[in-house]
């Protein structure tokens, strides 16, 4: 039972949802949230934090209360997936966790339309057949750091319209012709 609490903690630390207006003071950080203000369901999920609740920073209280609501609204299958994600998180090195947190912070600092574009790209990647995803991962892994940076730079320099046209062209091509256009002078066994 304790493991799902840690899933909740990790999920709330990585939560994307900003606090609602009711959870914030007028012009500043979130207001403290008294234990009694939590619903009975939230209190049940967060029971482990009861004794220390008043000493937690208000932002953490808000994140935990939102996480408890999300947890309660999840189906058993969703909860199991969350547990698995947490287990993967726990198995990461501290360096990897730090790198992920930094990326998440950079993501949160992006404009909403850029965040949406990244979410859509992730969905596209996730919806690919596993073999195709693995092939893309392998190609990326086989690139030198310089080739990866050139790819990032090239993508960054493109307008959203150019990016969309490139996606459309790649989707129309046959898989055997979808070799990347990086490092033409370098043979990597492709």
N, C-alpha and C. Protein backbone atom coordinates (compact mmCIF):
# COMPACT_ATOMS: atom_id res chain seq x y z
N UNK A 1 0.82 -1.20 0.00
CA UNK A 1 0.00 0.00 0.00
C UNK A 1 0.86 1.26 0.00
N UNK A 2 2.01 1.19 0.69
CA UNK A 2 2.87 2.38 0.75
C UNK A 2 3.41 2.76 -0.62
N UNK A 3 3.62 1.78 -1.50
CA UNK A 3 4.23 2.10 -2.80
C UNK A 3 3.35 3.04 -3.62
N UNK A 4 2.05 2.90 -3.53
CA UNK A 4 1.19 3.80 -4.32
C UNK A 4 1.24 5.22 -3.79
N UNK A 5 1.53 5.37 -2.52
CA UNK A 5 1.70 6.73 -1.97
C UNK A 5 2.88 7.40 -2.65
N UNK A 6 3.96 6.65 -2.84
CA UNK A 6 5.14 7.23 -3.48
C UNK A 6 4.86 7.52 -4.95
N UNK A 7 4.00 6.73 -5.55
CA UNK A 7 3.59 7.03 -6.93
C UNK A 7 2.90 8.39 -6.94
N UNK A 8 2.04 8.59 -5.98
CA UNK A 8 1.32 9.86 -5.87
C UNK A 8 2.29 11.02 -5.66
N UNK A 9 3.26 10.80 -4.80
CA UNK A 9 4.24 11.86 -4.52
C UNK A 9 5.00 12.21 -5.80
N UNK A 10 5.49 11.19 -6.51
CA UNK A 10 6.24 11.44 -7.74
C UNK A 10 5.35 12.11 -8.77
N UNK A 11 4.12 11.64 -8.90
CA UNK A 11 3.21 12.24 -9.88
C UNK A 11 2.94 13.69 -9.55
N UNK A 12 2.79 13.99 -8.26
CA UNK A 12 2.50 15.37 -7.91
C UNK A 12 3.72 16.26 -8.08
N UNK A 13 4.92 15.71 -7.91
CA UNK A 13 6.12 16.51 -8.15
C UNK A 13 6.29 16.82 -9.62
N UNK A 14 5.79 15.94 -10.48
CA UNK A 14 5.93 16.13 -11.92
C UNK A 14 4.65 16.64 -12.55
N UNK A 15 3.70 17.04 -11.72
CA UNK A 15 2.40 17.48 -12.24
C UNK A 15 2.56 18.68 -13.16
N UNK A 16 1.78 18.68 -14.24
CA UNK A 16 1.83 19.77 -15.22
C UNK A 16 0.82 20.84 -14.88
N UNK A 17 -0.28 20.45 -14.27
CA UNK A 17 -1.38 21.38 -14.05
C UNK A 17 -0.96 22.49 -13.09
N UNK A 18 -1.16 23.74 -13.50
CA UNK A 18 -0.84 24.85 -12.60
C UNK A 18 -1.93 24.97 -11.53
N UNK A 19 -1.63 25.56 -10.41
CA UNK A 19 -2.65 25.71 -9.39
C UNK A 19 -3.79 26.58 -9.90
N UNK A 20 -4.99 26.28 -9.44
CA UNK A 20 -6.14 27.08 -9.85
C UNK A 20 -6.14 28.37 -9.07
N UNK A 21 -6.96 29.30 -9.50
CA UNK A 21 -7.02 30.61 -8.86
C UNK A 21 -7.39 30.47 -7.39
N UNK A 22 -8.28 29.54 -7.07
CA UNK A 22 -8.69 29.35 -5.69
C UNK A 22 -7.54 28.86 -4.83
N UNK A 23 -6.53 28.27 -5.43
CA UNK A 23 -5.42 27.73 -4.67
C UNK A 23 -4.28 28.74 -4.52
N UNK A 24 -4.42 29.90 -5.06
CA UNK A 24 -3.36 30.89 -5.01
C UNK A 24 -3.81 32.08 -4.18
N UNK A 25 -2.83 32.76 -3.61
CA UNK A 25 -3.16 34.04 -3.02
C UNK A 25 -3.28 35.03 -4.15
N UNK A 26 -3.74 36.21 -3.87
CA UNK A 26 -4.03 37.20 -4.90
C UNK A 26 -2.90 37.41 -5.89
N UNK A 27 -1.71 37.73 -5.41
CA UNK A 27 -0.60 38.02 -6.32
C UNK A 27 0.65 37.24 -5.97
N UNK A 28 0.50 36.05 -5.48
CA UNK A 28 1.70 35.36 -5.07
C UNK A 28 1.58 33.86 -5.10
N UNK A 29 2.39 33.25 -4.26
CA UNK A 29 2.45 31.78 -4.24
C UNK A 29 1.15 31.20 -3.67
N UNK A 30 0.99 29.89 -3.78
CA UNK A 30 -0.21 29.25 -3.25
C UNK A 30 -0.35 29.48 -1.76
N UNK A 31 -1.59 29.56 -1.31
CA UNK A 31 -1.87 29.72 0.12
C UNK A 31 -1.75 28.36 0.81
N UNK A 32 -1.38 28.36 2.10
CA UNK A 32 -1.34 27.09 2.82
C UNK A 32 -2.73 26.44 2.80
N UNK A 33 -2.74 25.14 2.81
CA UNK A 33 -3.98 24.37 2.76
C UNK A 33 -4.08 23.54 4.03
N UNK A 34 -5.08 23.82 4.85
CA UNK A 34 -5.25 23.08 6.11
C UNK A 34 -5.71 21.66 5.80
N UNK A 35 -5.29 20.73 6.66
CA UNK A 35 -5.67 19.32 6.50
C UNK A 35 -7.20 19.18 6.42
N UNK A 36 -7.90 19.97 7.21
CA UNK A 36 -9.36 19.90 7.27
C UNK A 36 -10.01 20.36 5.97
N UNK A 37 -9.28 21.12 5.16
CA UNK A 37 -9.82 21.58 3.88
C UNK A 37 -9.82 20.48 2.82
N UNK A 38 -9.06 19.42 3.06
CA UNK A 38 -9.01 18.31 2.11
C UNK A 38 -10.30 17.50 2.21
N UNK A 39 -10.72 16.93 1.09
CA UNK A 39 -11.88 16.04 1.13
C UNK A 39 -11.48 14.77 1.89
N UNK A 40 -12.48 14.02 2.33
CA UNK A 40 -12.17 12.78 3.05
C UNK A 40 -11.38 11.82 2.16
N UNK A 41 -11.68 11.83 0.86
CA UNK A 41 -10.95 10.97 -0.07
C UNK A 41 -9.49 11.39 -0.18
N UNK A 42 -9.24 12.70 -0.26
CA UNK A 42 -7.86 13.19 -0.31
C UNK A 42 -7.13 12.84 0.99
N UNK A 43 -7.81 13.02 2.11
CA UNK A 43 -7.20 12.69 3.39
C UNK A 43 -6.83 11.22 3.45
N UNK A 44 -7.68 10.38 2.92
CA UNK A 44 -7.40 8.94 2.93
C UNK A 44 -6.14 8.64 2.12
N UNK A 45 -6.05 9.21 0.92
CA UNK A 45 -4.90 8.97 0.06
C UNK A 45 -3.63 9.56 0.68
N UNK A 46 -3.76 10.68 1.34
CA UNK A 46 -2.60 11.40 1.87
C UNK A 46 -2.34 11.14 3.35
N UNK A 47 -2.96 10.14 3.91
CA UNK A 47 -2.86 9.85 5.35
C UNK A 47 -1.41 9.85 5.84
N UNK A 48 -0.50 9.36 5.03
CA UNK A 48 0.91 9.29 5.40
C UNK A 48 1.48 10.68 5.75
N UNK A 49 0.89 11.73 5.19
CA UNK A 49 1.40 13.10 5.39
C UNK A 49 0.66 13.85 6.50
N UNK A 50 -0.31 13.22 7.14
CA UNK A 50 -1.17 13.91 8.11
C UNK A 50 -0.36 14.64 9.18
N UNK A 51 0.58 13.97 9.81
CA UNK A 51 1.33 14.56 10.93
C UNK A 51 2.20 15.74 10.49
N UNK A 52 2.74 15.67 9.28
CA UNK A 52 3.65 16.72 8.82
C UNK A 52 2.97 17.73 7.91
N UNK A 53 1.68 17.58 7.65
CA UNK A 53 0.98 18.39 6.66
C UNK A 53 1.20 19.88 6.84
N UNK A 54 1.05 20.36 8.07
CA UNK A 54 1.16 21.80 8.32
C UNK A 54 2.58 22.34 8.15
N UNK A 55 3.56 21.45 8.10
CA UNK A 55 4.95 21.91 7.92
C UNK A 55 5.37 21.87 6.45
N UNK A 56 4.55 21.28 5.59
CA UNK A 56 4.89 21.21 4.16
C UNK A 56 4.71 22.59 3.53
N UNK A 57 5.54 22.92 2.55
CA UNK A 57 5.37 24.19 1.84
C UNK A 57 4.00 24.20 1.14
N UNK A 58 3.35 25.35 1.08
CA UNK A 58 2.02 25.43 0.46
C UNK A 58 1.97 24.86 -0.96
N UNK A 59 3.01 25.11 -1.75
CA UNK A 59 3.02 24.58 -3.11
C UNK A 59 3.01 23.05 -3.13
N UNK A 60 3.72 22.45 -2.20
CA UNK A 60 3.74 20.98 -2.09
C UNK A 60 2.38 20.48 -1.63
N UNK A 61 1.76 21.18 -0.68
CA UNK A 61 0.41 20.80 -0.25
C UNK A 61 -0.55 20.80 -1.43
N UNK A 62 -0.50 21.86 -2.22
CA UNK A 62 -1.39 21.97 -3.38
C UNK A 62 -1.13 20.84 -4.37
N UNK A 63 0.15 20.58 -4.63
CA UNK A 63 0.49 19.52 -5.58
C UNK A 63 0.02 18.16 -5.07
N UNK A 64 0.22 17.90 -3.79
CA UNK A 64 -0.22 16.63 -3.23
C UNK A 64 -1.74 16.50 -3.27
N UNK A 65 -2.45 17.58 -2.96
CA UNK A 65 -3.92 17.50 -2.98
C UNK A 65 -4.43 17.26 -4.40
N UNK A 66 -3.81 17.92 -5.40
CA UNK A 66 -4.20 17.65 -6.80
C UNK A 66 -3.86 16.22 -7.19
N UNK A 67 -2.68 15.76 -6.76
CA UNK A 67 -2.28 14.39 -7.05
C UNK A 67 -3.23 13.37 -6.43
N UNK A 68 -3.70 13.65 -5.21
CA UNK A 68 -4.64 12.75 -4.56
C UNK A 68 -5.95 12.69 -5.34
N UNK A 69 -6.40 13.82 -5.84
CA UNK A 69 -7.63 13.83 -6.66
C UNK A 69 -7.43 13.03 -7.94
N UNK A 70 -6.28 13.24 -8.58
CA UNK A 70 -6.00 12.47 -9.81
C UNK A 70 -5.96 10.98 -9.50
N UNK A 71 -5.31 10.61 -8.41
CA UNK A 71 -5.19 9.20 -8.04
C UNK A 71 -6.58 8.60 -7.83
N UNK A 72 -7.44 9.32 -7.13
CA UNK A 72 -8.78 8.80 -6.86
C UNK A 72 -9.61 8.67 -8.13
N UNK A 73 -9.32 9.49 -9.12
CA UNK A 73 -10.11 9.44 -10.36
C UNK A 73 -9.59 8.39 -11.35
N UNK A 74 -8.45 7.79 -11.05
CA UNK A 74 -7.85 6.81 -11.96
C UNK A 74 -8.56 5.46 -11.86
N UNK A 75 -8.58 4.79 -12.99
CA UNK A 75 -9.06 3.41 -13.01
C UNK A 75 -7.96 2.51 -12.43
N UNK A 76 -8.29 1.27 -12.06
CA UNK A 76 -7.23 0.37 -11.58
C UNK A 76 -6.10 0.21 -12.59
N UNK A 77 -6.42 0.18 -13.88
CA UNK A 77 -5.39 0.04 -14.91
C UNK A 77 -4.48 1.27 -14.93
N UNK A 78 -5.07 2.44 -14.80
CA UNK A 78 -4.27 3.67 -14.78
C UNK A 78 -3.38 3.71 -13.55
N UNK A 79 -3.91 3.26 -12.43
CA UNK A 79 -3.10 3.23 -11.21
C UNK A 79 -1.92 2.29 -11.38
N UNK A 80 -2.16 1.15 -12.00
CA UNK A 80 -1.07 0.20 -12.22
C UNK A 80 0.00 0.80 -13.13
N UNK A 81 -0.44 1.51 -14.17
CA UNK A 81 0.53 2.17 -15.06
C UNK A 81 1.33 3.22 -14.30
N UNK A 82 0.65 3.96 -13.41
CA UNK A 82 1.34 4.96 -12.61
C UNK A 82 2.37 4.30 -11.69
N UNK A 83 2.00 3.16 -11.11
CA UNK A 83 2.95 2.43 -10.27
C UNK A 83 4.18 2.01 -11.08
N UNK A 84 3.95 1.52 -12.28
CA UNK A 84 5.06 1.10 -13.14
C UNK A 84 5.96 2.28 -13.49
N UNK A 85 5.34 3.43 -13.80
CA UNK A 85 6.15 4.63 -14.10
C UNK A 85 6.99 5.02 -12.89
N UNK A 86 6.37 4.93 -11.71
CA UNK A 86 7.10 5.28 -10.50
C UNK A 86 8.26 4.31 -10.27
N UNK A 87 8.02 3.02 -10.50
CA UNK A 87 9.10 2.04 -10.35
C UNK A 87 10.25 2.36 -11.30
N UNK A 88 9.91 2.74 -12.54
CA UNK A 88 10.96 3.12 -13.49
C UNK A 88 11.71 4.35 -12.98
N UNK A 89 10.96 5.32 -12.46
CA UNK A 89 11.57 6.55 -11.91
C UNK A 89 12.53 6.18 -10.78
N UNK A 90 12.10 5.30 -9.89
CA UNK A 90 12.94 4.90 -8.77
C UNK A 90 14.22 4.20 -9.23
N UNK A 91 14.15 3.51 -10.35
CA UNK A 91 15.32 2.77 -10.83
C UNK A 91 16.33 3.67 -11.54
N UNK A 92 15.97 4.91 -11.82
CA UNK A 92 16.89 5.83 -12.48
C UNK A 92 17.97 6.31 -11.52
N UNK A 93 19.11 6.65 -12.08
CA UNK A 93 20.17 7.23 -11.26
C UNK A 93 19.76 8.67 -10.90
N UNK A 94 20.39 9.20 -9.88
CA UNK A 94 20.09 10.58 -9.48
C UNK A 94 20.41 11.54 -10.63
N UNK A 95 21.48 11.24 -11.36
CA UNK A 95 21.85 12.08 -12.51
C UNK A 95 20.75 12.08 -13.57
N UNK A 96 20.19 10.91 -13.87
CA UNK A 96 19.10 10.83 -14.85
C UNK A 96 17.86 11.57 -14.36
N UNK A 97 17.53 11.42 -13.08
CA UNK A 97 16.37 12.14 -12.53
C UNK A 97 16.57 13.65 -12.64
N UNK A 98 17.79 14.08 -12.33
CA UNK A 98 18.10 15.51 -12.41
C UNK A 98 17.92 16.02 -13.84
N UNK A 99 18.43 15.24 -14.80
CA UNK A 99 18.32 15.62 -16.21
C UNK A 99 16.84 15.69 -16.63
N UNK A 100 16.04 14.75 -16.18
CA UNK A 100 14.61 14.75 -16.51
C UNK A 100 13.92 15.96 -15.89
N UNK A 101 14.25 16.25 -14.65
CA UNK A 101 13.64 17.43 -14.00
C UNK A 101 13.99 18.71 -14.76
N UNK A 102 15.26 18.83 -15.19
CA UNK A 102 15.67 20.01 -15.96
C UNK A 102 14.88 20.12 -17.26
N UNK A 103 14.74 18.99 -17.96
CA UNK A 103 13.97 19.01 -19.21
C UNK A 103 12.53 19.40 -18.96
N UNK A 104 11.97 18.89 -17.87
CA UNK A 104 10.59 19.24 -17.54
C UNK A 104 10.46 20.74 -17.27
N UNK A 105 11.41 21.30 -16.55
CA UNK A 105 11.39 22.75 -16.28
C UNK A 105 11.48 23.54 -17.59
N UNK A 106 12.35 23.11 -18.50
CA UNK A 106 12.45 23.79 -19.80
C UNK A 106 11.13 23.67 -20.56
N UNK A 107 10.51 22.50 -20.49
CA UNK A 107 9.21 22.30 -21.15
C UNK A 107 8.17 23.25 -20.58
N UNK A 108 8.12 23.37 -19.26
CA UNK A 108 7.13 24.26 -18.63
C UNK A 108 7.35 25.72 -19.01
N UNK A 109 8.59 26.08 -19.33
CA UNK A 109 8.89 27.46 -19.70
C UNK A 109 8.54 27.78 -21.15
N UNK A 110 8.22 26.76 -21.94
CA UNK A 110 7.87 26.98 -23.35
C UNK A 110 6.49 27.60 -23.48
N UNK A 111 6.26 28.30 -24.58
CA UNK A 111 4.90 28.82 -24.82
C UNK A 111 3.93 27.65 -25.00
N UNK A 112 2.65 27.86 -24.68
CA UNK A 112 1.66 26.78 -24.77
C UNK A 112 1.61 26.10 -26.14
N UNK A 113 1.74 26.87 -27.23
CA UNK A 113 1.67 26.24 -28.55
C UNK A 113 2.87 25.32 -28.80
N UNK A 114 4.02 25.67 -28.27
CA UNK A 114 5.20 24.81 -28.42
C UNK A 114 5.05 23.56 -27.56
N UNK A 115 4.49 23.71 -26.36
CA UNK A 115 4.22 22.54 -25.52
C UNK A 115 3.26 21.59 -26.23
N UNK A 116 2.23 22.15 -26.84
CA UNK A 116 1.26 21.33 -27.56
C UNK A 116 1.92 20.60 -28.73
N UNK A 117 2.78 21.28 -29.44
CA UNK A 117 3.48 20.66 -30.56
C UNK A 117 4.32 19.48 -30.08
N UNK A 118 5.01 19.66 -28.97
CA UNK A 118 5.83 18.58 -28.43
C UNK A 118 4.95 17.40 -27.97
N UNK A 119 3.82 17.71 -27.36
CA UNK A 119 2.90 16.63 -26.96
C UNK A 119 2.42 15.84 -28.18
N UNK A 120 2.09 16.56 -29.25
CA UNK A 120 1.63 15.89 -30.46
C UNK A 120 2.73 15.02 -31.07
N UNK A 121 3.94 15.53 -31.07
CA UNK A 121 5.07 14.73 -31.58
C UNK A 121 5.26 13.48 -30.73
N UNK A 122 5.13 13.63 -29.43
CA UNK A 122 5.27 12.47 -28.55
C UNK A 122 4.16 11.45 -28.84
N UNK A 123 2.92 11.94 -29.01
CA UNK A 123 1.82 11.02 -29.32
C UNK A 123 2.09 10.28 -30.63
N UNK A 124 2.57 11.01 -31.64
CA UNK A 124 2.90 10.37 -32.92
C UNK A 124 3.94 9.27 -32.72
N UNK A 125 4.97 9.59 -31.96
CA UNK A 125 6.03 8.61 -31.70
C UNK A 125 5.46 7.41 -30.93
N UNK A 126 4.69 7.69 -29.90
CA UNK A 126 4.12 6.61 -29.09
C UNK A 126 3.20 5.70 -29.90
N UNK A 127 2.50 6.28 -30.87
CA UNK A 127 1.55 5.51 -31.68
C UNK A 127 2.20 4.76 -32.84
N UNK A 128 3.48 4.96 -33.04
CA UNK A 128 4.18 4.21 -34.10
C UNK A 128 4.27 2.75 -33.71
N UNK A 129 4.42 1.88 -34.70
CA UNK A 129 4.67 0.47 -34.38
C UNK A 129 5.98 0.37 -33.58
N UNK A 130 6.04 -0.56 -32.65
CA UNK A 130 7.25 -0.69 -31.81
C UNK A 130 8.54 -0.82 -32.62
N UNK A 131 8.46 -1.52 -33.76
CA UNK A 131 9.67 -1.69 -34.58
C UNK A 131 10.16 -0.35 -35.11
N UNK A 132 9.23 0.49 -35.52
CA UNK A 132 9.59 1.81 -36.06
C UNK A 132 10.20 2.69 -34.96
N UNK A 133 9.58 2.66 -33.76
CA UNK A 133 10.13 3.44 -32.64
C UNK A 133 11.55 2.98 -32.33
N UNK A 134 11.75 1.69 -32.31
CA UNK A 134 13.08 1.15 -32.00
C UNK A 134 14.09 1.56 -33.08
N UNK A 135 13.66 1.54 -34.34
CA UNK A 135 14.55 1.96 -35.42
C UNK A 135 14.96 3.43 -35.24
N UNK A 136 14.01 4.29 -34.90
CA UNK A 136 14.33 5.71 -34.69
C UNK A 136 15.27 5.88 -33.49
N UNK A 137 15.01 5.13 -32.43
CA UNK A 137 15.90 5.21 -31.26
C UNK A 137 17.32 4.76 -31.64
N UNK A 138 17.39 3.68 -32.40
CA UNK A 138 18.69 3.17 -32.82
C UNK A 138 19.43 4.19 -33.66
N UNK A 139 18.73 4.79 -34.61
CA UNK A 139 19.37 5.82 -35.46
C UNK A 139 19.91 6.96 -34.61
N UNK A 140 19.09 7.43 -33.68
CA UNK A 140 19.51 8.54 -32.82
C UNK A 140 20.73 8.12 -32.01
N UNK A 141 20.69 6.93 -31.47
CA UNK A 141 21.79 6.43 -30.66
C UNK A 141 23.06 6.29 -31.49
N UNK A 142 22.93 5.91 -32.75
CA UNK A 142 24.09 5.71 -33.62
C UNK A 142 24.71 7.02 -34.10
N UNK A 143 23.99 8.11 -33.95
CA UNK A 143 24.54 9.41 -34.38
C UNK A 143 25.64 9.84 -33.42
N UNK A 144 26.58 10.57 -33.97
CA UNK A 144 27.59 11.18 -33.11
C UNK A 144 26.94 12.38 -32.41
N UNK A 145 27.53 12.86 -31.33
CA UNK A 145 26.98 14.05 -30.66
C UNK A 145 26.87 15.24 -31.61
N UNK A 146 27.83 15.38 -32.52
CA UNK A 146 27.78 16.49 -33.48
C UNK A 146 26.59 16.36 -34.43
N UNK A 147 26.33 15.13 -34.88
CA UNK A 147 25.18 14.91 -35.77
C UNK A 147 23.87 15.19 -35.06
N UNK A 148 23.80 14.78 -33.81
CA UNK A 148 22.57 15.06 -33.04
C UNK A 148 22.36 16.56 -32.90
N UNK A 149 23.45 17.27 -32.61
CA UNK A 149 23.33 18.72 -32.44
C UNK A 149 22.92 19.39 -33.75
N UNK A 150 23.48 18.92 -34.86
CA UNK A 150 23.08 19.48 -36.17
C UNK A 150 21.60 19.27 -36.41
N UNK A 151 21.11 18.08 -36.05
CA UNK A 151 19.67 17.79 -36.20
C UNK A 151 18.84 18.75 -35.34
N UNK A 152 19.26 18.92 -34.09
CA UNK A 152 18.53 19.83 -33.20
C UNK A 152 18.54 21.25 -33.75
N UNK A 153 19.73 21.70 -34.19
CA UNK A 153 19.85 23.06 -34.72
C UNK A 153 18.98 23.25 -35.95
N UNK A 154 19.05 22.29 -36.84
CA UNK A 154 18.26 22.38 -38.07
C UNK A 154 16.77 22.46 -37.75
N UNK A 155 16.32 21.61 -36.85
CA UNK A 155 14.90 21.59 -36.46
C UNK A 155 14.52 22.92 -35.80
N UNK A 156 15.39 23.42 -34.94
CA UNK A 156 15.12 24.66 -34.23
C UNK A 156 15.00 25.85 -35.19
N UNK A 157 15.79 25.81 -36.27
CA UNK A 157 15.78 26.92 -37.22
C UNK A 157 14.58 26.90 -38.15
N UNK A 158 13.85 25.81 -38.18
CA UNK A 158 12.69 25.70 -39.08
C UNK A 158 11.49 26.44 -38.51
N UNK A 159 10.68 26.95 -39.40
CA UNK A 159 9.41 27.53 -38.98
C UNK A 159 8.44 26.38 -38.72
N UNK A 160 7.35 26.63 -37.99
CA UNK A 160 6.35 25.57 -37.77
C UNK A 160 5.81 25.01 -39.10
N UNK A 161 5.68 25.86 -40.10
CA UNK A 161 5.18 25.39 -41.40
C UNK A 161 6.19 24.45 -42.06
N UNK A 162 7.47 24.80 -41.97
CA UNK A 162 8.50 23.93 -42.54
C UNK A 162 8.53 22.58 -41.82
N UNK A 163 8.38 22.62 -40.51
CA UNK A 163 8.37 21.38 -39.75
C UNK A 163 7.20 20.50 -40.17
N UNK A 164 6.04 21.11 -40.33
CA UNK A 164 4.86 20.35 -40.73
C UNK A 164 5.03 19.76 -42.13
N UNK A 165 5.58 20.55 -43.05
CA UNK A 165 5.83 20.03 -44.40
C UNK A 165 6.80 18.86 -44.37
N UNK A 166 7.82 18.96 -43.52
CA UNK A 166 8.79 17.87 -43.42
C UNK A 166 8.10 16.61 -42.88
N UNK A 167 7.25 16.76 -41.86
CA UNK A 167 6.51 15.62 -41.31
C UNK A 167 5.65 14.97 -42.39
N UNK A 168 4.95 15.80 -43.13
CA UNK A 168 4.06 15.29 -44.18
C UNK A 168 4.85 14.52 -45.24
N UNK A 169 5.98 15.09 -45.65
CA UNK A 169 6.81 14.41 -46.65
C UNK A 169 7.30 13.06 -46.13
N UNK A 170 7.75 13.04 -44.88
CA UNK A 170 8.25 11.78 -44.31
C UNK A 170 7.14 10.75 -44.20
N UNK A 171 5.94 11.19 -43.86
CA UNK A 171 4.82 10.24 -43.74
C UNK A 171 4.44 9.67 -45.10
N UNK A 172 4.66 10.43 -46.16
CA UNK A 172 4.30 9.97 -47.50
C UNK A 172 5.36 9.05 -48.10
N UNK A 173 6.57 9.11 -47.57
CA UNK A 173 7.66 8.30 -48.13
C UNK A 173 7.52 6.86 -47.69
N UNK A 174 8.08 5.97 -48.49
CA UNK A 174 8.16 4.57 -48.09
C UNK A 174 9.20 4.45 -46.98
N UNK A 175 9.01 3.49 -46.05
CA UNK A 175 9.98 3.36 -44.94
C UNK A 175 11.42 3.19 -45.39
N UNK A 176 11.68 2.49 -46.50
CA UNK A 176 13.07 2.29 -46.91
C UNK A 176 13.71 3.59 -47.40
N UNK A 177 12.89 4.61 -47.73
CA UNK A 177 13.43 5.90 -48.17
C UNK A 177 13.47 6.93 -47.05
N UNK A 178 13.13 6.52 -45.85
CA UNK A 178 13.06 7.48 -44.75
C UNK A 178 14.36 7.57 -43.98
N UNK A 179 15.46 7.33 -44.64
CA UNK A 179 16.76 7.48 -44.00
C UNK A 179 16.97 8.95 -43.67
N UNK A 180 17.56 9.24 -42.53
CA UNK A 180 17.79 10.65 -42.16
C UNK A 180 18.74 11.32 -43.12
N UNK A 181 18.65 12.63 -43.20
CA UNK A 181 19.46 13.42 -44.12
C UNK A 181 20.70 14.00 -43.43
N UNK A 182 21.04 13.49 -42.28
CA UNK A 182 22.21 13.98 -41.55
C UNK A 182 23.43 13.17 -41.93
N UNK A 183 24.57 13.75 -41.75
CA UNK A 183 25.84 13.05 -41.88
C UNK A 183 25.99 12.26 -43.17
N UNK A 184 25.64 12.85 -44.31
CA UNK A 184 25.71 12.12 -45.58
C UNK A 184 27.09 11.58 -45.87
N UNK A 185 28.10 12.28 -45.42
CA UNK A 185 29.45 11.83 -45.71
C UNK A 185 29.90 10.71 -44.77
N UNK A 186 29.11 10.43 -43.75
CA UNK A 186 29.48 9.41 -42.79
C UNK A 186 28.65 8.18 -43.02
N UNK A 187 29.28 7.07 -43.24
CA UNK A 187 28.56 5.80 -43.40
C UNK A 187 28.45 5.16 -42.03
N UNK A 188 27.25 4.80 -41.64
CA UNK A 188 27.01 4.17 -40.34
C UNK A 188 26.37 2.82 -40.50
N UNK A 189 26.60 2.18 -41.62
CA UNK A 189 26.07 0.86 -41.82
C UNK A 189 24.62 0.86 -42.24
N UNK A 190 24.09 1.99 -42.75
CA UNK A 190 22.70 2.05 -43.20
C UNK A 190 22.62 1.75 -44.67
